[in-house]
């Protein structure tokens, strides 16, 4: 009885949440209304209207796996910004793989006409209403961030360390300097909240380095964390995307790669050397963070999404 009641309550909540909208969301984050979602804003910007009677049902993995199995009237679109290959999402992945969606959107690279790649960092750092000129301006800000004087060594902003990697990196860096942790994990500073009003980029601009590994590792899986560090002018200490994060967008020279389970002493020696030679740190930090042509590669995500949605709305 409890399971049935819980299911009913969940469906009731989703029904109320999506009421009155032709664009509906299931298993998504719930801190935004449907009309505030990135996809809704993109559609309202790029299409005059949604034909009467058509529904677009976006389903993700942040909820009950059973919801992924549901087929609702209209076009069904699957999206994940999370690593669906991680163990924590095994049940959701099995449900997704057992279905055929009209369109699937994720971080993988697949040669399927019903699939497109749109990694989370794009939606995090670029507005759905952005034009190509807007993207050029944002890319330029990321490519050449203000480095300036950075009085503090290294920052970490994280709520957890489920895989143990953040703690491993933090402990390894401890002999080189103070690592300030502003999130719930190993919290030791209130500056993010009290001095920076929870403005993460402002907080990170005080630091030379930012520990920012992904929660889990899979080829192509890159979230906003790495781009937060780059935009803030830090040198990121990063792990993820099988050691090759966005190779057609990011300059690998500006990313300090931490390899889990390997001997990372050469990387620690490099950081120690940079700390002892500030001019070399500044030269490295001043290198272009994003590659030439990154603007067009990011804009292609917009045109691909437009084309896929246009095919569904015709």
Protein backbone atom coordinates (compact mmCIF):
# COMPACT_ATOMS: atom_id res chain seq x y z
CA UNK A 1 0.00 0.00 0.00
CA UNK A 2 2.81 2.42 0.84
CA UNK A 3 4.51 1.90 -2.52
CA UNK A 4 1.23 2.47 -4.35
CA UNK A 5 0.52 5.61 -2.34
CA UNK A 6 4.05 6.92 -2.92
CA UNK A 7 3.71 6.31 -6.66
CA UNK A 8 0.37 8.11 -6.73
CA UNK A 9 1.77 11.07 -4.85
CA UNK A 10 4.75 11.23 -7.21
CA UNK A 11 2.51 11.18 -10.29
CA UNK A 12 0.23 13.79 -8.69
CA UNK A 13 3.22 16.05 -8.05
CA UNK A 14 4.41 15.69 -11.64
CA UNK A 15 0.90 16.37 -12.93
CA UNK A 16 0.62 19.57 -10.89
CA UNK A 17 4.15 20.61 -11.83
CA UNK A 18 3.49 20.25 -15.57
CA UNK A 19 -0.10 21.50 -15.61
CA UNK A 20 -0.99 23.78 -18.50
CA UNK A 21 2.26 23.38 -20.42
CA UNK A 22 2.90 21.77 -23.78
CA UNK A 23 6.49 21.21 -22.63
CA UNK A 24 6.56 18.80 -19.71
CA UNK A 25 9.36 17.49 -17.51
CA UNK A 26 9.75 14.22 -15.63
CA UNK A 27 12.63 13.17 -13.35
CA UNK A 28 14.21 16.63 -13.76
CA UNK A 29 15.49 18.98 -11.09
CA UNK A 30 12.55 20.68 -9.39
CA UNK A 31 13.96 24.08 -8.47
CA UNK A 32 12.63 25.53 -11.75
CA UNK A 33 9.16 25.63 -13.24
CA UNK A 34 8.73 24.07 -16.71
CA UNK A 35 8.72 27.47 -18.41
CA UNK A 36 12.05 28.34 -16.72
CA UNK A 37 13.89 25.26 -17.95
CA UNK A 38 16.76 25.64 -20.45
CA UNK A 39 14.95 23.56 -23.08
CA UNK A 40 11.69 25.53 -22.73
CA UNK A 41 13.50 28.82 -23.10
CA UNK A 42 15.38 27.49 -26.14
CA UNK A 43 12.15 26.37 -27.80
CA UNK A 44 10.33 29.65 -27.07
CA UNK A 45 13.29 31.60 -28.48
CA UNK A 46 13.80 29.60 -31.66
CA UNK A 47 10.24 28.62 -32.60
CA UNK A 48 7.26 30.92 -33.05
CA UNK A 49 4.94 28.44 -31.40
CA UNK A 50 4.35 24.79 -30.68
CA UNK A 51 1.56 23.50 -32.92
CA UNK A 52 -1.68 22.97 -31.07
CA UNK A 53 -2.04 19.45 -29.74
CA UNK A 54 1.69 18.68 -29.75
CA UNK A 55 3.42 17.89 -26.47
CA UNK A 56 7.12 17.59 -25.80
CA UNK A 57 7.81 15.30 -22.86
CA UNK A 58 11.36 15.60 -21.48
CA UNK A 59 12.41 12.73 -19.20
CA UNK A 60 15.65 12.51 -17.23
CA UNK A 61 17.15 10.26 -14.54
CA UNK A 62 16.76 12.24 -11.31
CA UNK A 63 13.90 10.15 -10.00
CA UNK A 64 12.17 6.79 -10.16
CA UNK A 65 13.45 4.47 -12.92
CA UNK A 66 9.86 3.45 -13.66
CA UNK A 67 9.10 6.95 -14.96
CA UNK A 68 11.70 6.42 -17.71
CA UNK A 69 9.62 3.49 -18.98
CA UNK A 70 6.47 5.57 -19.37
CA UNK A 71 5.29 6.65 -22.81
CA UNK A 72 3.17 9.78 -22.79
CA UNK A 73 1.05 11.31 -25.57
CA UNK A 74 3.24 13.45 -27.79
CA UNK A 75 6.97 13.34 -28.48
CA UNK A 76 9.14 11.73 -25.83
CA UNK A 77 12.65 13.14 -25.36
CA UNK A 78 15.28 11.71 -23.03
CA UNK A 79 17.95 13.94 -21.52
CA UNK A 80 20.75 13.38 -19.04
CA UNK A 81 23.44 15.75 -17.88
CA UNK A 82 24.50 13.13 -15.34
CA UNK A 83 26.78 10.17 -16.00
CA UNK A 84 24.21 7.54 -16.82
CA UNK A 85 27.00 4.93 -16.92
CA UNK A 86 27.80 5.42 -13.22
CA UNK A 87 26.78 2.65 -10.82
CA UNK A 88 24.31 4.91 -9.00
CA UNK A 89 22.21 5.14 -12.16
CA UNK A 90 22.24 1.44 -13.12
CA UNK A 91 18.46 1.04 -12.78
CA UNK A 92 17.77 4.23 -14.75
CA UNK A 93 20.19 3.20 -17.49
CA UNK A 94 18.55 -0.20 -17.90
CA UNK A 95 15.14 1.41 -18.25
CA UNK A 96 16.47 3.92 -20.78
CA UNK A 97 18.20 1.26 -22.85
CA UNK A 98 15.00 -0.78 -22.99
CA UNK A 99 13.10 2.10 -24.61
CA UNK A 100 13.21 4.00 -27.88
CA UNK A 101 12.83 7.74 -27.53
CA UNK A 102 11.96 10.15 -30.34
CA UNK A 103 15.14 12.02 -29.37
CA UNK A 104 17.88 11.31 -26.83
CA UNK A 105 20.27 14.00 -25.59
CA UNK A 106 23.38 13.36 -23.50
CA UNK A 107 27.16 13.56 -23.34
CA UNK A 108 27.98 10.36 -25.26
CA UNK A 109 29.04 10.33 -28.89
CA UNK A 110 26.66 8.12 -30.82
CA UNK A 111 26.05 7.74 -34.55
CA UNK A 112 22.27 7.57 -34.27
CA UNK A 113 19.86 9.90 -36.04
CA UNK A 114 17.73 10.03 -32.87
CA UNK A 115 20.62 11.04 -30.60
CA UNK A 116 22.61 14.25 -30.13
CA UNK A 117 25.41 15.27 -27.81
CA UNK A 118 24.78 18.26 -25.54
CA UNK A 119 27.03 18.16 -22.45
CA UNK A 120 25.89 19.85 -19.26
CA UNK A 121 28.55 22.59 -19.35
CA UNK A 122 26.99 24.09 -22.47
CA UNK A 123 23.63 24.54 -20.76
CA UNK A 124 25.31 25.77 -17.58
CA UNK A 125 27.49 28.48 -19.14
CA UNK A 126 25.55 29.51 -22.26
CA UNK A 127 22.02 30.89 -22.24
CA UNK A 128 19.41 29.12 -24.37
CA UNK A 129 18.61 32.46 -26.03
CA UNK A 130 22.27 33.03 -26.99
CA UNK A 131 23.20 34.09 -30.50
CA UNK A 132 26.48 33.20 -32.16
CA UNK A 133 27.78 36.65 -31.20
CA UNK A 134 26.77 36.03 -27.57
CA UNK A 135 28.65 32.73 -27.62
CA UNK A 136 31.72 34.42 -29.13
CA UNK A 137 31.73 36.96 -26.30
CA UNK A 138 31.37 34.29 -23.60
CA UNK A 139 34.04 32.11 -25.18
CA UNK A 140 36.42 35.07 -25.27
CA UNK A 141 35.80 35.67 -21.55
CA UNK A 142 36.63 32.03 -20.89
CA UNK A 143 39.58 31.97 -23.25
CA UNK A 144 41.35 34.91 -21.61
CA UNK A 145 40.08 35.29 -18.03
CA UNK A 146 41.54 37.95 -15.76
CA UNK A 147 44.32 36.24 -13.82
CA UNK A 148 45.55 39.16 -11.72
CA UNK A 149 46.83 38.81 -8.18
CA UNK A 150 45.67 35.61 -6.51
CA UNK A 151 46.69 35.59 -2.86
CA UNK A 152 45.31 32.14 -2.03
CA UNK A 153 46.59 28.71 -3.01
CA UNK A 154 43.75 26.31 -3.77
CA UNK A 155 39.96 26.03 -3.38
CA UNK A 156 37.45 23.21 -3.37
CA UNK A 157 33.68 23.66 -3.54
CA UNK A 158 31.84 20.38 -3.15
CA UNK A 159 28.99 18.93 -1.14
CA UNK A 160 30.34 15.37 -1.06
CA UNK A 161 33.19 13.04 -1.95
CA UNK A 162 31.42 9.80 -2.78
CA UNK A 163 34.33 8.34 -4.72
CA UNK A 164 37.02 9.59 -2.36
CA UNK A 165 38.91 11.43 -5.12
CA UNK A 166 38.46 14.97 -3.80
CA UNK A 167 39.84 14.01 -0.40
CA UNK A 168 42.75 12.21 -2.08
CA UNK A 169 43.71 15.32 -4.05
CA UNK A 170 43.16 17.62 -1.07
CA UNK A 171 45.43 15.49 1.15
CA UNK A 172 48.13 15.32 -1.53
CA UNK A 173 48.16 19.10 -1.93
CA UNK A 174 48.20 19.85 1.80
CA UNK A 175 52.03 19.97 2.05
CA UNK A 176 52.08 22.62 -0.70
CA UNK A 177 49.59 25.04 0.82
CA UNK A 178 46.23 25.65 2.45
CA UNK A 179 43.30 24.11 0.59
CA UNK A 180 40.11 26.00 1.41
CA UNK A 181 36.92 23.96 1.21
CA UNK A 182 33.78 26.08 1.01
CA UNK A 183 31.25 23.28 0.44
CA UNK A 184 29.86 20.76 2.89
CA UNK A 185 32.71 18.33 2.23
CA UNK A 186 35.56 19.07 4.67
CA UNK A 187 34.18 22.56 5.17
CA UNK A 188 36.82 24.91 6.56
CA UNK A 189 35.88 28.37 5.27
CA UNK A 190 32.70 30.48 5.21
CA UNK A 191 34.07 32.98 2.69
CA UNK A 192 31.93 31.72 -0.17
CA UNK A 193 28.76 32.45 1.78
CA UNK A 194 29.74 35.41 3.93
CA UNK A 195 32.20 37.37 1.78
CA UNK A 196 31.13 36.31 -1.72
CA UNK A 197 27.36 35.93 -1.26
CA UNK A 198 27.50 32.36 -2.66
CA UNK A 199 29.00 33.68 -5.91
CA UNK A 200 31.30 30.81 -6.88
CA UNK A 201 33.25 32.60 -9.67
CA UNK A 202 33.91 35.53 -7.35
CA UNK A 203 35.12 33.14 -4.65
CA UNK A 204 37.40 31.23 -7.04
CA UNK A 205 39.01 34.41 -8.38
CA UNK A 206 40.99 34.60 -5.12
CA UNK A 207 42.74 31.27 -5.85
CA UNK A 208 45.49 30.01 -8.11
CA UNK A 209 44.12 26.46 -8.31
CA UNK A 210 40.73 24.77 -8.08
CA UNK A 211 40.18 21.08 -7.30
CA UNK A 212 37.32 20.17 -9.65
CA UNK A 213 37.16 16.46 -10.60
CA UNK A 214 33.95 14.97 -11.95
CA UNK A 215 31.79 12.85 -9.66
CA UNK A 216 32.50 9.86 -11.92
CA UNK A 217 34.56 9.13 -15.01
CA UNK A 218 33.29 8.30 -18.47
CA UNK A 219 34.50 9.35 -21.94
CA UNK A 220 32.88 12.64 -22.92
CA UNK A 221 31.31 13.26 -19.51
CA UNK A 222 32.15 16.88 -18.67
CA UNK A 223 30.04 19.07 -16.41
CA UNK A 224 30.22 22.72 -15.42
CA UNK A 225 32.97 22.20 -12.80
CA UNK A 226 35.94 22.40 -15.16
CA UNK A 227 34.52 25.41 -17.00
CA UNK A 228 33.80 27.20 -13.69
CA UNK A 229 37.51 26.97 -12.87
CA UNK A 230 38.63 28.11 -16.32
CA UNK A 231 36.23 31.06 -16.41
CA UNK A 232 37.35 32.12 -12.92
CA UNK A 233 40.99 32.18 -14.03
CA UNK A 234 42.12 29.28 -11.81
CA UNK A 235 44.24 26.43 -13.03
CA UNK A 236 41.93 23.43 -12.65
CA UNK A 237 43.14 20.24 -10.97
CA UNK A 238 40.84 17.95 -12.86
CA UNK A 239 39.95 14.31 -13.33
CA UNK A 240 37.31 13.00 -15.70
CA UNK A 241 36.26 12.34 -19.29
CA UNK A 242 38.85 9.54 -19.52
CA UNK A 243 41.62 12.14 -19.36
CA UNK A 244 40.48 14.00 -22.50
CA UNK A 245 37.91 16.66 -21.59
CA UNK A 246 36.43 18.38 -24.66
CA UNK A 247 39.57 18.04 -26.84
CA UNK A 248 38.10 20.16 -29.65
CA UNK A 249 37.20 23.01 -27.25
CA UNK A 250 39.72 23.14 -24.38
CA UNK A 251 43.46 23.75 -24.36
CA UNK A 252 44.92 20.74 -22.46
CA UNK A 253 47.96 22.82 -21.40
CA UNK A 254 45.71 24.78 -19.04
CA UNK A 255 44.34 21.69 -17.27
CA UNK A 256 46.30 19.92 -14.52
CA UNK A 257 45.24 16.30 -14.95
CA UNK A 258 44.99 14.09 -11.88
CA UNK A 259 44.91 10.38 -12.72
CA UNK A 260 43.14 8.17 -10.15
CA UNK A 261 45.13 5.13 -9.10
CA UNK A 262 48.33 6.38 -10.76
CA UNK A 263 51.51 8.01 -9.53
CA UNK A 264 50.59 11.71 -9.49
CA UNK A 265 53.91 12.86 -8.02
CA UNK A 266 54.98 14.48 -11.32
CA UNK A 267 51.86 16.64 -11.18
CA UNK A 268 52.52 17.56 -7.55
CA UNK A 269 56.11 18.42 -8.48
CA UNK A 270 54.84 20.65 -11.28
CA UNK A 271 52.49 22.53 -8.92
CA UNK A 272 55.31 22.91 -6.41
CA UNK A 273 57.54 24.30 -9.16
CA UNK A 274 54.86 26.78 -10.25
CA UNK A 275 54.44 27.90 -6.65
CA UNK A 276 58.17 28.52 -6.37
CA UNK A 277 58.30 30.36 -9.72
CA UNK A 278 55.35 32.80 -9.88
CA UNK A 279 56.33 34.09 -13.32
CA UNK A 280 55.97 30.60 -14.77
CA UNK A 281 52.59 30.24 -13.07
CA UNK A 282 51.44 33.53 -14.62
CA UNK A 283 52.64 32.49 -18.08
CA UNK A 284 50.76 29.21 -17.86
CA UNK A 285 47.64 30.85 -16.42
CA UNK A 286 47.68 33.42 -19.22
CA UNK A 287 47.58 30.83 -22.03
CA UNK A 288 44.31 30.73 -24.00
CA UNK A 289 41.96 28.37 -22.17
CA UNK A 290 39.71 27.62 -25.14
CA UNK A 291 40.93 26.65 -28.60
CA UNK A 292 40.37 28.62 -31.77
CA UNK A 293 37.06 27.64 -33.32
CA UNK A 294 35.44 26.79 -29.98
CA UNK A 295 32.68 29.32 -30.73
CA UNK A 296 31.55 27.49 -33.85
CA UNK A 297 31.74 24.10 -32.14
CA UNK A 298 29.50 25.31 -29.32
CA UNK A 299 27.11 26.99 -31.75
CA UNK A 300 26.75 23.67 -33.55
CA UNK A 301 25.07 22.27 -30.43
CA UNK A 302 22.44 24.98 -30.87
CA UNK A 303 21.89 24.31 -34.56
CA UNK A 304 21.77 20.54 -34.02
CA UNK A 305 19.18 20.91 -31.27
CA UNK A 306 17.15 23.28 -33.40
CA UNK A 307 17.14 20.84 -36.30
CA UNK A 308 16.13 17.88 -34.14
CA UNK A 309 13.29 19.80 -32.51
CA UNK A 310 12.13 21.21 -35.80
CA UNK A 311 11.75 17.68 -37.15
CA UNK A 312 9.56 16.80 -34.14
CA UNK A 313 7.41 19.94 -34.36
CA UNK A 314 6.62 19.69 -38.07
